[in-house]
PDB file of N, CA and C in Angstrom:
ATOM      1  N   UNK A   1     -12.700  -5.050   2.389  1.00  0.00           N
ATOM      2  CA  UNK A   1     -11.540  -4.396   1.862  1.00  0.00           C
ATOM      3  C   UNK A   1     -12.037  -3.263   0.985  1.00  0.00           C
ATOM      4  N   UNK A   2     -11.294  -2.221   1.047  1.00  0.00           N
ATOM      5  CA  UNK A   2     -11.664  -1.079   0.216  1.00  0.00           C
ATOM      6  C   UNK A   2     -10.544  -0.854  -0.777  1.00  0.00           C
ATOM      7  N   UNK A   3     -10.875  -0.710  -2.014  1.00  0.00           N
ATOM      8  CA  UNK A   3      -9.848  -0.458  -3.007  1.00  0.00           C
ATOM      9  C   UNK A   3     -10.254   0.765  -3.809  1.00  0.00           C
ATOM     10  N   UNK A   4      -9.370   1.754  -3.860  1.00  0.00           N
ATOM     11  CA  UNK A   4      -9.598   2.978  -4.615  1.00  0.00           C
ATOM     12  C   UNK A   4      -8.587   3.000  -5.744  1.00  0.00           C
ATOM     13  N   UNK A   5      -8.954   3.492  -6.883  1.00  0.00           N
ATOM     14  CA  UNK A   5      -8.110   3.371  -8.074  1.00  0.00           C
ATOM     15  C   UNK A   5      -6.678   3.833  -7.857  1.00  0.00           C
ATOM     16  N   UNK A   6      -6.454   4.991  -7.279  1.00  0.00           N
ATOM     17  CA  UNK A   6      -5.098   5.520  -7.132  1.00  0.00           C
ATOM     18  C   UNK A   6      -4.459   5.164  -5.800  1.00  0.00           C
ATOM     19  N   UNK A   7      -5.042   4.288  -5.068  1.00  0.00           N
ATOM     20  CA  UNK A   7      -4.478   3.875  -3.797  1.00  0.00           C
ATOM     21  C   UNK A   7      -5.268   2.706  -3.261  1.00  0.00           C
ATOM     22  N   UNK A   8      -4.775   2.144  -2.201  1.00  0.00           N
ATOM     23  CA  UNK A   8      -5.433   0.989  -1.606  1.00  0.00           C
ATOM     24  C   UNK A   8      -5.613   1.256  -0.135  1.00  0.00           C
ATOM     25  N   UNK A   9      -6.797   0.986   0.360  1.00  0.00           N
ATOM     26  CA  UNK A   9      -7.082   1.121   1.778  1.00  0.00           C
ATOM     27  C   UNK A   9      -7.679  -0.187   2.247  1.00  0.00           C
ATOM     28  N   UNK A  10      -6.944  -0.924   3.049  1.00  0.00           N
ATOM     29  CA  UNK A  10      -7.464  -2.140   3.654  1.00  0.00           C
ATOM     30  C   UNK A  10      -8.086  -1.723   4.981  1.00  0.00           C
ATOM     31  N   UNK A  11      -9.267  -2.199   5.270  1.00  0.00           N
ATOM     32  CA  UNK A  11      -9.915  -1.719   6.473  1.00  0.00           C
ATOM     33  C   UNK A  11     -10.778  -2.793   7.104  1.00  0.00           C
ATOM     34  N   UNK A  12     -11.001  -2.638   8.368  1.00  0.00           N
ATOM     35  CA  UNK A  12     -11.872  -3.535   9.128  1.00  0.00           C
ATOM     36  C   UNK A  12     -12.248  -2.811  10.410  1.00  0.00           C
ATOM     37  N   UNK A  13     -13.135  -3.408  11.151  1.00  0.00           N
ATOM     38  CA  UNK A  13     -13.551  -2.902  12.448  1.00  0.00           C
ATOM     39  C   UNK A  13     -13.978  -1.443  12.364  1.00  0.00           C
ATOM     40  N   UNK A  14     -13.397  -0.596  13.206  1.00  0.00           N
ATOM     41  CA  UNK A  14     -13.804   0.806  13.298  1.00  0.00           C
ATOM     42  C   UNK A  14     -13.558   1.610  12.044  1.00  0.00           C
ATOM     43  N   UNK A  15     -12.698   1.128  11.170  1.00  0.00           N
ATOM     44  CA  UNK A  15     -12.385   1.856   9.946  1.00  0.00           C
ATOM     45  C   UNK A  15     -13.419   1.638   8.844  1.00  0.00           C
ATOM     46  N   UNK A  16     -14.321   0.713   9.039  1.00  0.00           N
ATOM     47  CA  UNK A  16     -15.272   0.381   7.982  1.00  0.00           C
ATOM     48  C   UNK A  16     -16.154   1.574   7.612  1.00  0.00           C
ATOM     49  N   UNK A  17     -16.656   2.294   8.595  1.00  0.00           N
ATOM     50  CA  UNK A  17     -17.478   3.469   8.283  1.00  0.00           C
ATOM     51  C   UNK A  17     -16.682   4.502   7.497  1.00  0.00           C
ATOM     52  N   UNK A  18     -15.422   4.703   7.877  1.00  0.00           N
ATOM     53  CA  UNK A  18     -14.574   5.633   7.138  1.00  0.00           C
ATOM     54  C   UNK A  18     -14.351   5.151   5.710  1.00  0.00           C
ATOM     55  N   UNK A  19     -14.163   3.862   5.546  1.00  0.00           N
ATOM     56  CA  UNK A  19     -13.957   3.301   4.204  1.00  0.00           C
ATOM     57  C   UNK A  19     -15.189   3.495   3.336  1.00  0.00           C
ATOM     58  N   UNK A  20     -16.346   3.272   3.909  1.00  0.00           N
ATOM     59  CA  UNK A  20     -17.588   3.477   3.150  1.00  0.00           C
ATOM     60  C   UNK A  20     -17.738   4.936   2.738  1.00  0.00           C
ATOM     61  N   UNK A  21     -17.403   5.841   3.650  1.00  0.00           N
ATOM     62  CA  UNK A  21     -17.488   7.271   3.338  1.00  0.00           C
ATOM     63  C   UNK A  21     -16.495   7.632   2.243  1.00  0.00           C
ATOM     64  N   UNK A  22     -15.264   7.135   2.353  1.00  0.00           N
ATOM     65  CA  UNK A  22     -14.246   7.399   1.340  1.00  0.00           C
ATOM     66  C   UNK A  22     -14.682   6.881  -0.022  1.00  0.00           C
ATOM     67  N   UNK A  23     -15.208   5.672  -0.059  1.00  0.00           N
ATOM     68  CA  UNK A  23     -15.663   5.100  -1.328  1.00  0.00           C
ATOM     69  C   UNK A  23     -16.797   5.921  -1.934  1.00  0.00           C
ATOM     70  N   UNK A  24     -17.749   6.300  -1.112  1.00  0.00           N
ATOM     71  CA  UNK A  24     -18.880   7.090  -1.605  1.00  0.00           C
ATOM     72  C   UNK A  24     -18.405   8.426  -2.168  1.00  0.00           C
ATOM     73  N   UNK A  25     -17.530   9.101  -1.435  1.00  0.00           N
ATOM     74  CA  UNK A  25     -17.048  10.416  -1.888  1.00  0.00           C
ATOM     75  C   UNK A  25     -16.205  10.307  -3.149  1.00  0.00           C
ATOM     76  N   UNK A  26     -15.393   9.269  -3.231  1.00  0.00           N
ATOM     77  CA  UNK A  26     -14.590   9.083  -4.438  1.00  0.00           C
ATOM     78  C   UNK A  26     -15.487   8.850  -5.647  1.00  0.00           C
ATOM     79  N   UNK A  27     -16.521   8.023  -5.483  1.00  0.00           N
ATOM     80  CA  UNK A  27     -17.476   7.791  -6.583  1.00  0.00           C
ATOM     81  C   UNK A  27     -18.155   9.092  -6.999  1.00  0.00           C
ATOM     82  N   UNK A  28     -18.518   9.904  -6.017  1.00  0.00           N
ATOM     83  CA  UNK A  28     -19.178  11.179  -6.308  1.00  0.00           C
ATOM     84  C   UNK A  28     -18.292  12.091  -7.155  1.00  0.00           C
ATOM     85  N   UNK A  29     -16.981  11.886  -7.077  1.00  0.00           N
ATOM     86  CA  UNK A  29     -16.040  12.709  -7.831  1.00  0.00           C
ATOM     87  C   UNK A  29     -15.502  11.987  -9.062  1.00  0.00           C
ATOM     88  N   UNK A  30     -16.167  10.897  -9.463  1.00  0.00           N
ATOM     89  CA  UNK A  30     -15.840  10.232 -10.702  1.00  0.00           C
ATOM     90  C   UNK A  30     -14.719   9.209 -10.646  1.00  0.00           C
ATOM     91  N   UNK A  31     -14.272   8.845  -9.462  1.00  0.00           N
ATOM     92  CA  UNK A  31     -13.221   7.844  -9.335  1.00  0.00           C
ATOM     93  C   UNK A  31     -13.836   6.455  -9.268  1.00  0.00           C
ATOM     94  N   UNK A  32     -13.256   5.530 -10.021  1.00  0.00           N
ATOM     95  CA  UNK A  32     -13.723   4.154  -9.955  1.00  0.00           C
ATOM     96  C   UNK A  32     -13.312   3.566  -8.611  1.00  0.00           C
ATOM     97  N   UNK A  33     -14.264   2.994  -7.921  1.00  0.00           N
ATOM     98  CA  UNK A  33     -14.015   2.442  -6.591  1.00  0.00           C
ATOM     99  C   UNK A  33     -14.597   1.038  -6.510  1.00  0.00           C
ATOM    100  N   UNK A  34     -13.845   0.161  -5.900  1.00  0.00           N
ATOM    101  CA  UNK A  34     -14.339  -1.177  -5.610  1.00  0.00           C
ATOM    102  C   UNK A  34     -14.218  -1.360  -4.099  1.00  0.00           C
ATOM    103  N   UNK A  35     -15.337  -1.453  -3.440  1.00  0.00           N
ATOM    104  CA  UNK A  35     -15.359  -1.624  -1.991  1.00  0.00           C
ATOM    105  C   UNK A  35     -15.716  -3.064  -1.685  1.00  0.00           C
ATOM    106  N   UNK A  36     -14.837  -3.731  -0.986  1.00  0.00           N
ATOM    107  CA  UNK A  36     -15.078  -5.117  -0.615  1.00  0.00           C
ATOM    108  C   UNK A  36     -15.072  -5.205   0.900  1.00  0.00           C
ATOM    109  N   UNK A  37     -16.127  -5.774   1.440  1.00  0.00           N
ATOM    110  CA  UNK A  37     -16.235  -5.942   2.882  1.00  0.00           C
ATOM    111  C   UNK A  37     -16.169  -7.435   3.195  1.00  0.00           C
ATOM    112  N   UNK A  38     -15.320  -7.765   4.136  1.00  0.00           N
ATOM    113  CA  UNK A  38     -15.138  -9.157   4.538  1.00  0.00           C
ATOM    114  C   UNK A  38     -15.629  -9.299   5.973  1.00  0.00           C
ATOM    115  N   UNK A  39     -16.783  -9.905   6.139  1.00  0.00           N
ATOM    116  CA  UNK A  39     -17.395 -10.032   7.463  1.00  0.00           C
ATOM    117  C   UNK A  39     -16.583 -10.957   8.359  1.00  0.00           C
ATOM    118  N   UNK A  40     -16.595 -10.642   9.630  1.00  0.00           N
ATOM    119  CA  UNK A  40     -15.987 -11.486  10.662  1.00  0.00           C
ATOM    120  C   UNK A  40     -14.482 -11.668  10.504  1.00  0.00           C
ATOM    121  N   UNK A  41     -13.810 -10.744   9.849  1.00  0.00           N
ATOM    122  CA  UNK A  41     -12.355 -10.820   9.713  1.00  0.00           C
ATOM    123  C   UNK A  41     -11.720  -9.795  10.649  1.00  0.00           C
ATOM    124  N   UNK A  42     -10.557 -10.144  11.177  1.00  0.00           N
ATOM    125  CA  UNK A  42      -9.843  -9.220  12.054  1.00  0.00           C
ATOM    126  C   UNK A  42      -9.124  -8.168  11.229  1.00  0.00           C
ATOM    127  N   UNK A  43      -8.699  -7.114  11.883  1.00  0.00           N
ATOM    128  CA  UNK A  43      -7.961  -6.031  11.232  1.00  0.00           C
ATOM    129  C   UNK A  43      -6.690  -6.599  10.590  1.00  0.00           C
ATOM    130  N   UNK A  44      -6.413  -6.211   9.373  1.00  0.00           N
ATOM    131  CA  UNK A  44      -5.220  -6.619   8.618  1.00  0.00           C
ATOM    132  C   UNK A  44      -5.177  -8.136   8.370  1.00  0.00           C
ATOM    133  N   UNK A  45      -6.322  -8.762   8.253  1.00  0.00           N
ATOM    134  CA  UNK A  45      -6.364 -10.211   8.038  1.00  0.00           C
ATOM    135  C   UNK A  45      -5.627 -10.678   6.786  1.00  0.00           C
ATOM    136  N   UNK A  46      -5.493  -9.860   5.718  1.00  0.00           N
ATOM    137  CA  UNK A  46      -4.765 -10.359   4.546  1.00  0.00           C
ATOM    138  C   UNK A  46      -3.305 -10.704   4.842  1.00  0.00           C
ATOM    139  N   UNK A  47      -2.776 -10.197   5.941  1.00  0.00           N
ATOM    140  CA  UNK A  47      -1.396 -10.511   6.285  1.00  0.00           C
ATOM    141  C   UNK A  47      -1.246 -11.924   6.840  1.00  0.00           C
ATOM    142  N   UNK A  48      -2.334 -12.549   7.209  1.00  0.00           N
ATOM    143  CA  UNK A  48      -2.314 -13.906   7.752  1.00  0.00           C
ATOM    144  C   UNK A  48      -2.474 -14.895   6.597  1.00  0.00           C
ATOM    145  N   UNK A  49      -1.411 -15.144   5.896  1.00  0.00           N
ATOM    146  CA  UNK A  49      -1.468 -15.872   4.626  1.00  0.00           C
ATOM    147  C   UNK A  49      -1.881 -17.332   4.757  1.00  0.00           C
ATOM    148  N   UNK A  50      -1.979 -17.845   5.965  1.00  0.00           N
ATOM    149  CA  UNK A  50      -2.419 -19.230   6.118  1.00  0.00           C
ATOM    150  C   UNK A  50      -3.940 -19.367   6.059  1.00  0.00           C
ATOM    151  N   UNK A  51      -4.651 -18.257   6.021  1.00  0.00           N
ATOM    152  CA  UNK A  51      -6.116 -18.292   5.934  1.00  0.00           C
ATOM    153  C   UNK A  51      -6.559 -18.239   4.472  1.00  0.00           C
ATOM    154  N   UNK A  52      -7.503 -19.074   4.073  1.00  0.00           N
ATOM    155  CA  UNK A  52      -8.011 -19.004   2.694  1.00  0.00           C
ATOM    156  C   UNK A  52      -8.584 -17.625   2.372  1.00  0.00           C
ATOM    157  N   UNK A  53      -9.237 -16.990   3.332  1.00  0.00           N
ATOM    158  CA  UNK A  53      -9.812 -15.654   3.108  1.00  0.00           C
ATOM    159  C   UNK A  53      -8.715 -14.627   2.841  1.00  0.00           C
ATOM    160  N   UNK A  54      -7.585 -14.797   3.491  1.00  0.00           N
ATOM    161  CA  UNK A  54      -6.464 -13.881   3.287  1.00  0.00           C
ATOM    162  C   UNK A  54      -5.905 -14.018   1.878  1.00  0.00           C
ATOM    163  N   UNK A  55      -5.706 -15.253   1.461  1.00  0.00           N
ATOM    164  CA  UNK A  55      -5.185 -15.480   0.100  1.00  0.00           C
ATOM    165  C   UNK A  55      -6.159 -14.951  -0.953  1.00  0.00           C
ATOM    166  N   UNK A  56      -7.447 -15.112  -0.715  1.00  0.00           N
ATOM    167  CA  UNK A  56      -8.451 -14.605  -1.657  1.00  0.00           C
ATOM    168  C   UNK A  56      -8.418 -13.078  -1.711  1.00  0.00           C
ATOM    169  N   UNK A  57      -8.278 -12.434  -0.555  1.00  0.00           N
ATOM    170  CA  UNK A  57      -8.227 -10.968  -0.522  1.00  0.00           C
ATOM    171  C   UNK A  57      -6.998 -10.450  -1.262  1.00  0.00           C
ATOM    172  N   UNK A  58      -5.859 -11.101  -1.074  1.00  0.00           N
ATOM    173  CA  UNK A  58      -4.639 -10.695  -1.776  1.00  0.00           C
ATOM    174  C   UNK A  58      -4.809 -10.893  -3.280  1.00  0.00           C
ATOM    175  N   UNK A  59      -5.426 -11.973  -3.688  1.00  0.00           N
ATOM    176  CA  UNK A  59      -5.666 -12.228  -5.112  1.00  0.00           C
ATOM    177  C   UNK A  59      -6.578 -11.153  -5.702  1.00  0.00           C
ATOM    178  N   UNK A  60      -7.603 -10.742  -4.967  1.00  0.00           N
ATOM    179  CA  UNK A  60      -8.506  -9.686  -5.435  1.00  0.00           C
ATOM    180  C   UNK A  60      -7.758  -8.367  -5.577  1.00  0.00           C
ATOM    181  N   UNK A  61      -6.907  -8.064  -4.626  1.00  0.00           N
ATOM    182  CA  UNK A  61      -6.109  -6.839  -4.675  1.00  0.00           C
ATOM    183  C   UNK A  61      -5.162  -6.865  -5.872  1.00  0.00           C
ATOM    184  N   UNK A  62      -4.518  -8.002  -6.104  1.00  0.00           N
ATOM    185  CA  UNK A  62      -3.602  -8.128  -7.241  1.00  0.00           C
ATOM    186  C   UNK A  62      -4.341  -7.957  -8.561  1.00  0.00           C
ATOM    187  N   UNK A  63      -5.521  -8.546  -8.684  1.00  0.00           N
ATOM    188  CA  UNK A  63      -6.308  -8.410  -9.904  1.00  0.00           C
ATOM    189  C   UNK A  63      -6.668  -6.953 -10.155  1.00  0.00           C
ATOM    190  N   UNK A  64      -7.103  -6.248  -9.107  1.00  0.00           N
ATOM    191  CA  UNK A  64      -7.438  -4.834  -9.252  1.00  0.00           C
ATOM    192  C   UNK A  64      -6.202  -4.044  -9.702  1.00  0.00           C
ATOM    193  N   UNK A  65      -5.058  -4.314  -9.069  1.00  0.00           N
ATOM    194  CA  UNK A  65      -3.835  -3.585  -9.424  1.00  0.00           C
ATOM    195  C   UNK A  65      -3.444  -3.846 -10.881  1.00  0.00           C
ATOM    196  N   UNK A  66      -3.531  -5.093 -11.332  1.00  0.00           N
ATOM    197  CA  UNK A  66      -3.197  -5.398 -12.734  1.00  0.00           C
ATOM    198  C   UNK A  66      -4.121  -4.677 -13.703  1.00  0.00           C
ATOM    199  N   UNK A  67      -5.389  -4.515 -13.332  1.00  0.00           N
ATOM    200  CA  UNK A  67      -6.336  -3.827 -14.224  1.00  0.00           C
ATOM    201  C   UNK A  67      -6.104  -2.328 -14.292  1.00  0.00           C
ATOM    202  N   UNK A  68      -5.568  -1.730 -13.217  1.00  0.00           N
ATOM    203  CA  UNK A  68      -5.554  -0.274 -13.138  1.00  0.00           C
ATOM    204  C   UNK A  68      -4.189   0.387 -13.054  1.00  0.00           C
ATOM    205  N   UNK A  69      -3.136  -0.370 -12.816  1.00  0.00           N
ATOM    206  CA  UNK A  69      -1.818   0.239 -12.707  1.00  0.00           C
ATOM    207  C   UNK A  69      -0.982  -0.087 -13.925  1.00  0.00           C
ATOM    208  N   UNK A  70      -0.135   0.875 -14.332  1.00  0.00           N
ATOM    209  CA  UNK A  70       0.705   0.632 -15.525  1.00  0.00           C
ATOM    210  C   UNK A  70       1.733  -0.456 -15.290  1.00  0.00           C
TER     211      UNK A  70
END
């Protein structure tokens, strides 16, 4: 999962390289970035709330949002 301070980008599969590039470029411009990669997960896996990994990803996203959003 990729999380950027002023927005959120959930990514998997082919989007992972783009997410890594986005995170790197944002850091280069002084933006706080937290990039989380979840191996062996399908695209949009956080929407599958019956999976423990999905619930954990949503919890991580919520924690980031509470720390950075008004």
